[in-house]
Structures are given as C-alpha cells and as structure tokens.
Amino acid sequence: MAEASQIPMPVPAPRMSRVLDAAIDRGPALAAVAGLLLLWQGVVWFFEVPEYMAPSPVAVLGAFQDNAGTLWLNFWPTFLEAALGFVAGNLVAILLAVWFVHNSTAERAFFPIAVFVNTIPIIALAPILVLIFGNGFAPKIIIAGLICFFPTLVNMVRGLKAVSPATLDLMRVLSASNWEIFWKVRLQSSLPFLFAALKIASTTCVIGAIVAEWIGSNFGLGALIIEATFNFRSPLLYATVFTAALLAVVMFALVSFAEAKLIRWKSSDIH
C-alpha cells in the first residue's frame, strides 16, 4: 500500500526569533532615545551647566531614586483625575454625538455651544471650576474631561455619518430598525474615527489634570511640578515631568491596544 501523504503542519516561529524581530522594529527608536540622552549629558558636562538650570540625565535618574516614594504618592491622584476625566468626557461626547446624528435640530442647537466652550482656554476655565467645586478631585476631573470632550464629539459625529447612502437604503429595504442600523452599520463605521479621537484624548487628559493641579491642589504631579520649580529642585522637576509623560504614553498604548483588538480595518476617510 502506498503511504498516505502527510500534510506538513506549520511550524511556529521560535520565541527568540519573535523577540529579535521586536527588537529590530524598536531599534531605531531606542537608538534615537539613547543618542539624545548621550547628547544631553555631553552638553551639560561640556558647558558646565548649573544643575538648577538643566540637570544631567544622571542627576534626573538620581532624583527618581531619591524621590521614588514622593513621585509614587503624587502619581496616583493625577492618574485617577486623568482616567476619570477621560472616561467621563468621552462618554458624554459619544452620547451627544449619537443624539446629534438622530436629531438634526439638537445638533444645530447645541453644537455651536460645544464649539464655544471648546474655545475657552483651559487655563482660564480652571480657576472658575476650582472656585465652584473647591480643591478636591471634582474640578480636576471636569477639566480633564473637557479637554477630551470636543475632539471625540467631532470625530464621533463624523464617523456615525460616514455611512454610504447605499448601505442605509439596503438596511431600510431589509426592514431594519433604527437600533439595528445604529448597532450594525453606524457604530461599526464610527469606530476608527472614535479611536483616532481617543488616542488624542488619552494624552490630553493628563495635560488637563496637571493644569488643574497647577491652579489649586496640594497633591498630584502638577502640584509637585510647582513645588519643585519654586524650590529650584530641577532634577525632581524633570523627574516629575518624565513621570507625567510616561503616564500619557501608557494611556496612549492602552487605547492603541484596544483599537487593535476591536478594529481589523480602517476607513480611507480617516486622516
């Protein structure tokens, strides 16, 4: 009897190969960061720049080690303010966008108000909210939410409307309800637009929380930045700024990860 032909099974890539590929992909970015740090260290050393003006990377690393507890304690308030503001601001924007798409009168009435609120500088709005709500978490969360709100509103409205007329006609021919059209067509078309806005909001919400802490707060990374500035503790100032930047990068990465899991395609209309 002839031996049955065997179908070759795919061999998974070795773990070391995947690690090597990841290292090669991130190699240019890591090399650029290392080069900038070396340049920074060299400029500070060669020109003998005073530490209170511009600390070296080594001094900033030492500030991380010496003030790890302080940075950690002030990290959590800023993280909570930014995260809650991110959720609240984007949730309100999404709900309003859905309302606007299904009610053109509401869009004509309230969209100009949203534009007007967005034109008010956050640094000018923050003291008003602090006066109304005090120095607690509430004004910081509101400011972080406001800074997330408008980009998400605009993108979500655009995404919900980015459905071809032919698709809507087909759904109506199939006797689809408004809910079915929204869930199966409009929402799916809006996801790439939504995540484009969420990526922006994931970083700007950290900015909003820190700006709010500058106006009136005794805790948080923003308050620590003010304290380090007035006390000429430049290494701690730089360490705090880098901690805030790291928080924004982590939030951006989480949104990007969620996008990769939920969306397998992107509309050509997104820029």
Protein backbone atom coordinates (compact mmCIF):
# COMPACT_ATOMS: atom_id res chain seq x y z
CA MET A 1 0.00 0.00 0.00
CA ALA A 2 1.16 3.46 -0.80
CA GLU A 3 1.90 5.51 2.20
CA ALA A 4 -0.67 8.24 2.86
CA SER A 5 0.71 11.64 2.06
CA GLN A 6 1.06 13.78 5.12
CA ILE A 7 0.21 17.46 5.09
CA PRO A 8 3.07 19.43 6.63
CA MET A 9 1.99 21.29 9.71
CA PRO A 10 3.06 24.94 10.11
CA VAL A 11 5.93 25.33 12.49
CA PRO A 12 5.52 28.22 14.93
CA ALA A 13 8.25 30.83 14.87
CA PRO A 14 10.79 30.34 17.65
CA ARG A 15 10.32 32.57 20.65
CA MET A 16 13.80 34.00 20.28
CA SER A 17 13.03 34.95 16.67
CA ARG A 18 9.92 36.90 17.70
CA VAL A 19 11.90 38.71 20.39
CA LEU A 20 14.60 39.54 17.84
CA ASP A 21 12.05 40.87 15.35
CA ALA A 22 10.51 43.07 18.06
CA ALA A 23 13.95 44.38 19.00
CA ILE A 24 14.71 45.19 15.35
CA ASP A 25 11.39 47.03 14.96
CA ARG A 26 12.06 49.17 18.03
CA GLY A 27 15.78 49.50 17.44
CA PRO A 28 15.72 52.91 15.67
CA ALA A 29 13.54 54.47 18.39
CA LEU A 30 15.72 53.08 21.19
CA ALA A 31 18.87 54.24 19.41
CA ALA A 32 17.41 57.74 18.96
CA VAL A 33 16.50 57.96 22.66
CA ALA A 34 19.94 56.75 23.70
CA GLY A 35 21.59 59.26 21.37
CA LEU A 36 19.55 62.16 22.74
CA LEU A 37 20.38 61.18 26.31
CA LEU A 38 24.09 60.99 25.50
CA LEU A 39 23.91 64.37 23.74
CA TRP A 40 22.09 65.88 26.73
CA GLN A 41 24.67 64.50 29.15
CA GLY A 42 27.54 65.70 26.96
CA VAL A 43 26.18 69.25 26.59
CA VAL A 44 25.60 69.61 30.34
CA TRP A 45 29.10 68.29 31.10
CA PHE A 46 30.96 70.23 28.39
CA PHE A 47 29.35 73.62 29.07
CA GLU A 48 29.24 73.04 32.84
CA VAL A 49 25.55 73.93 33.01
CA PRO A 50 24.40 74.51 36.62
CA GLU A 51 22.15 71.78 37.93
CA TYR A 52 19.38 74.20 38.87
CA MET A 53 19.14 75.28 35.21
CA ALA A 54 19.39 71.95 33.43
CA PRO A 55 20.28 68.78 35.32
CA SER A 56 22.03 65.94 33.55
CA PRO A 57 20.27 62.63 32.83
CA VAL A 58 22.36 61.08 35.61
CA ALA A 59 21.04 63.70 38.08
CA VAL A 60 17.46 63.10 36.92
CA LEU A 61 17.93 59.35 37.40
CA GLY A 62 19.22 60.07 40.89
CA ALA A 63 16.11 62.16 41.57
CA PHE A 64 13.96 59.20 40.54
CA GLN A 65 15.77 57.02 43.05
CA ASP A 66 15.82 59.56 45.89
CA ASN A 67 12.19 60.67 45.45
CA ALA A 68 10.54 57.43 44.35
CA GLY A 69 8.09 57.49 47.22
CA THR A 70 7.10 61.12 46.62
CA LEU A 71 6.64 60.53 42.89
CA TRP A 72 4.56 57.42 43.55
CA LEU A 73 2.27 59.16 46.05
CA ASN A 74 1.68 62.06 43.66
CA PHE A 75 1.29 59.81 40.63
CA TRP A 76 -1.95 58.22 41.80
CA PRO A 77 -4.06 61.39 42.20
CA THR A 78 -3.07 62.57 38.72
CA PHE A 79 -3.75 59.13 37.26
CA LEU A 80 -7.22 58.98 38.82
CA GLU A 81 -8.09 62.51 37.67
CA ALA A 82 -6.90 61.84 34.14
CA ALA A 83 -8.54 58.42 33.87
CA LEU A 84 -11.90 59.52 35.28
CA GLY A 85 -11.85 62.66 33.14
CA PHE A 86 -11.02 60.54 30.09
CA VAL A 87 -13.97 58.23 30.72
CA ALA A 88 -16.45 60.97 31.62
CA GLY A 89 -15.52 63.39 28.84
CA ASN A 90 -15.53 60.76 26.11
CA LEU A 91 -18.74 59.12 27.35
CA VAL A 92 -20.62 62.44 27.28
CA ALA A 93 -19.19 63.20 23.82
CA ILE A 94 -20.28 59.82 22.45
CA LEU A 95 -23.81 60.14 23.85
CA LEU A 96 -24.17 63.66 22.45
CA ALA A 97 -22.87 62.51 19.06
CA VAL A 98 -25.47 59.76 18.90
CA TRP A 99 -28.17 62.28 19.81
CA PHE A 100 -26.95 64.76 17.19
CA VAL A 101 -26.95 62.15 14.42
CA HIS A 102 -30.54 61.14 15.19
CA ASN A 103 -31.79 64.67 15.88
CA SER A 104 -30.57 67.37 13.49
CA THR A 105 -32.39 70.07 15.48
CA ALA A 106 -30.39 69.19 18.59
CA GLU A 107 -27.17 69.30 16.57
CA ARG A 108 -27.96 72.76 15.18
CA ALA A 109 -28.89 73.99 18.67
CA PHE A 110 -26.10 72.56 20.83
CA PHE A 111 -23.11 72.02 18.54
CA PRO A 112 -22.31 75.78 18.42
CA ILE A 113 -22.38 75.80 22.23
CA ALA A 114 -19.89 72.93 22.29
CA VAL A 115 -17.65 74.89 19.90
CA PHE A 116 -17.88 77.97 22.14
CA VAL A 117 -16.95 76.01 25.26
CA ASN A 118 -14.00 74.49 23.41
CA THR A 119 -12.67 77.97 22.53
CA ILE A 120 -12.31 78.89 26.23
CA PRO A 121 -8.68 78.29 27.29
CA ILE A 122 -8.45 75.57 29.92
CA ILE A 123 -6.03 77.70 31.94
CA ALA A 124 -8.78 80.36 32.16
CA LEU A 125 -11.56 77.91 32.92
CA ALA A 126 -9.68 76.06 35.66
CA PRO A 127 -9.86 78.85 38.32
CA ILE A 128 -13.62 79.17 37.82
CA LEU A 129 -14.14 75.45 38.41
CA VAL A 130 -11.83 75.49 41.42
CA LEU A 131 -13.86 78.35 42.92
CA ILE A 132 -17.10 76.43 42.35
CA PHE A 133 -16.03 72.91 43.33
CA GLY A 134 -13.07 73.58 45.63
CA ASN A 135 -9.63 71.97 45.58
CA GLY A 136 -10.81 68.37 45.56
CA PHE A 137 -10.93 65.87 42.71
CA ALA A 138 -14.07 67.26 41.05
CA PRO A 139 -12.59 70.29 39.20
CA LYS A 140 -9.58 68.26 38.03
CA ILE A 141 -11.80 65.52 36.62
CA ILE A 142 -14.06 68.07 34.92
CA ILE A 143 -11.11 69.86 33.32
CA ALA A 144 -9.58 66.58 32.14
CA GLY A 145 -12.98 65.62 30.73
CA LEU A 146 -13.47 68.96 28.97
CA ILE A 147 -10.12 68.73 27.23
CA CYS A 148 -11.12 65.26 25.91
CA PHE A 149 -14.67 66.17 25.01
CA PHE A 150 -14.60 68.19 21.79
CA PRO A 151 -12.26 66.06 19.58
CA THR A 152 -14.28 62.97 20.43
CA LEU A 153 -17.59 64.73 19.75
CA VAL A 154 -16.47 65.94 16.31
CA ASN A 155 -14.92 62.61 15.29
CA MET A 156 -17.84 60.56 16.56
CA VAL A 157 -20.40 62.66 14.71
CA ARG A 158 -18.36 62.36 11.54
CA GLY A 159 -17.95 58.61 11.99
CA LEU A 160 -21.64 57.99 12.63
CA LYS A 161 -22.47 59.92 9.46
CA ALA A 162 -19.78 58.21 7.37
CA VAL A 163 -22.17 55.53 6.17
CA SER A 164 -22.81 55.31 2.44
CA PRO A 165 -26.40 56.07 1.34
CA ALA A 166 -26.47 52.73 -0.47
CA THR A 167 -25.83 50.88 2.78
CA LEU A 168 -28.60 52.79 4.57
CA ASP A 169 -31.00 52.09 1.69
CA LEU A 170 -30.14 48.39 1.85
CA MET A 171 -30.80 48.27 5.59
CA ARG A 172 -34.17 50.00 5.11
CA VAL A 173 -35.10 47.57 2.32
CA LEU A 174 -34.35 44.77 4.77
CA SER A 175 -36.76 46.45 7.24
CA ALA A 176 -34.01 47.14 9.75
CA SER A 177 -34.99 49.25 12.74
CA ASN A 178 -33.16 52.42 13.70
CA TRP A 179 -31.46 50.49 16.51
CA GLU A 180 -30.27 47.78 14.11
CA ILE A 181 -28.96 50.40 11.68
CA PHE A 182 -27.12 52.10 14.50
CA TRP A 183 -25.65 48.94 16.02
CA LYS A 184 -24.73 47.09 12.82
CA VAL A 185 -23.82 49.96 10.49
CA ARG A 186 -23.31 53.37 12.07
CA LEU A 187 -21.43 52.21 15.15
CA GLN A 188 -19.12 49.98 13.13
CA SER A 189 -18.28 52.79 10.71
CA SER A 190 -17.60 55.21 13.59
CA LEU A 191 -15.08 53.06 15.49
CA PRO A 192 -11.97 54.12 13.50
CA PHE A 193 -12.97 57.77 13.91
CA LEU A 194 -13.66 57.24 17.60
CA PHE A 195 -10.31 55.63 18.32
CA ALA A 196 -8.49 58.37 16.42
CA ALA A 197 -10.03 60.83 18.88
CA LEU A 198 -9.45 58.58 21.89
CA LYS A 199 -5.73 58.46 21.11
CA ILE A 200 -5.61 62.24 21.28
CA ALA A 201 -7.73 62.30 24.44
CA SER A 202 -5.55 59.70 26.16
CA THR A 203 -2.67 62.17 26.28
CA THR A 204 -4.54 65.47 26.60
CA CYS A 205 -6.46 64.25 29.67
CA VAL A 206 -3.13 64.06 31.52
CA ILE A 207 -2.40 67.64 30.46
CA GLY A 208 -5.81 68.73 31.73
CA ALA A 209 -5.31 67.07 35.10
CA ILE A 210 -1.87 68.64 35.57
CA VAL A 211 -3.06 72.12 34.55
CA ALA A 212 -5.92 71.82 37.04
CA GLU A 213 -3.44 70.86 39.77
CA TRP A 214 -1.39 73.96 39.00
CA ILE A 215 -4.37 76.19 39.76
CA GLY A 216 -5.20 74.75 43.14
CA SER A 217 -4.00 71.49 44.64
CA ASN A 218 -1.70 70.18 47.34
CA PHE A 219 -1.18 66.80 45.72
CA GLY A 220 -0.59 65.32 42.26
CA LEU A 221 2.18 65.60 39.70
CA GLY A 222 1.09 69.13 38.77
CA ALA A 223 1.43 70.33 42.37
CA LEU A 224 4.81 68.58 42.63
CA ILE A 225 5.98 70.38 39.47
CA ILE A 226 5.09 73.74 41.02
CA GLU A 227 6.80 72.86 44.31
CA ALA A 228 9.99 71.64 42.60
CA THR A 229 10.09 74.76 40.40
CA PHE A 230 9.82 77.25 43.26
CA ASN A 231 12.37 75.35 45.33
CA PHE A 232 14.85 75.14 42.41
CA ARG A 233 14.89 71.34 42.63
CA SER A 234 15.45 70.87 38.92
CA PRO A 235 16.26 67.13 39.00
CA LEU A 236 12.96 66.47 40.79
CA LEU A 237 11.18 68.78 38.34
CA TYR A 238 12.49 66.84 35.35
CA ALA A 239 11.73 63.51 37.02
CA THR A 240 8.14 64.63 37.65
CA VAL A 241 7.71 65.79 34.05
CA PHE A 242 9.02 62.46 32.77
CA THR A 243 6.64 60.62 35.09
CA ALA A 244 3.69 62.58 33.68
CA ALA A 245 4.88 61.88 30.14
CA LEU A 246 5.17 58.17 30.95
CA LEU A 247 1.58 58.18 32.23
CA ALA A 248 0.38 59.73 28.95
CA VAL A 249 2.37 57.18 26.92
CA VAL A 250 0.89 54.27 28.89
CA MET A 251 -2.66 55.55 28.39
CA PHE A 252 -1.99 56.01 24.67
CA ALA A 253 -0.65 52.46 24.46
CA LEU A 254 -3.75 51.08 26.19
CA VAL A 255 -6.05 52.84 23.71
CA SER A 256 -3.93 51.59 20.80
CA PHE A 257 -4.10 48.05 22.18
CA ALA A 258 -7.90 48.26 22.46
CA GLU A 259 -8.09 49.60 18.90
CA ALA A 260 -6.02 46.71 17.57
CA LYS A 261 -8.31 44.21 19.30
CA LEU A 262 -11.61 45.81 18.25
CA ILE A 263 -10.89 47.09 14.74
CA ARG A 264 -9.49 45.00 11.90
CA TRP A 265 -9.98 47.65 9.22
CA LYS A 266 -9.69 51.40 8.85
CA SER A 267 -11.72 53.74 6.72
CA SER A 268 -9.90 55.56 3.93
CA ASP A 269 -11.69 58.75 5.03
CA ILE A 270 -9.63 58.98 8.23
CA HIS A 271 -6.66 61.32 8.12
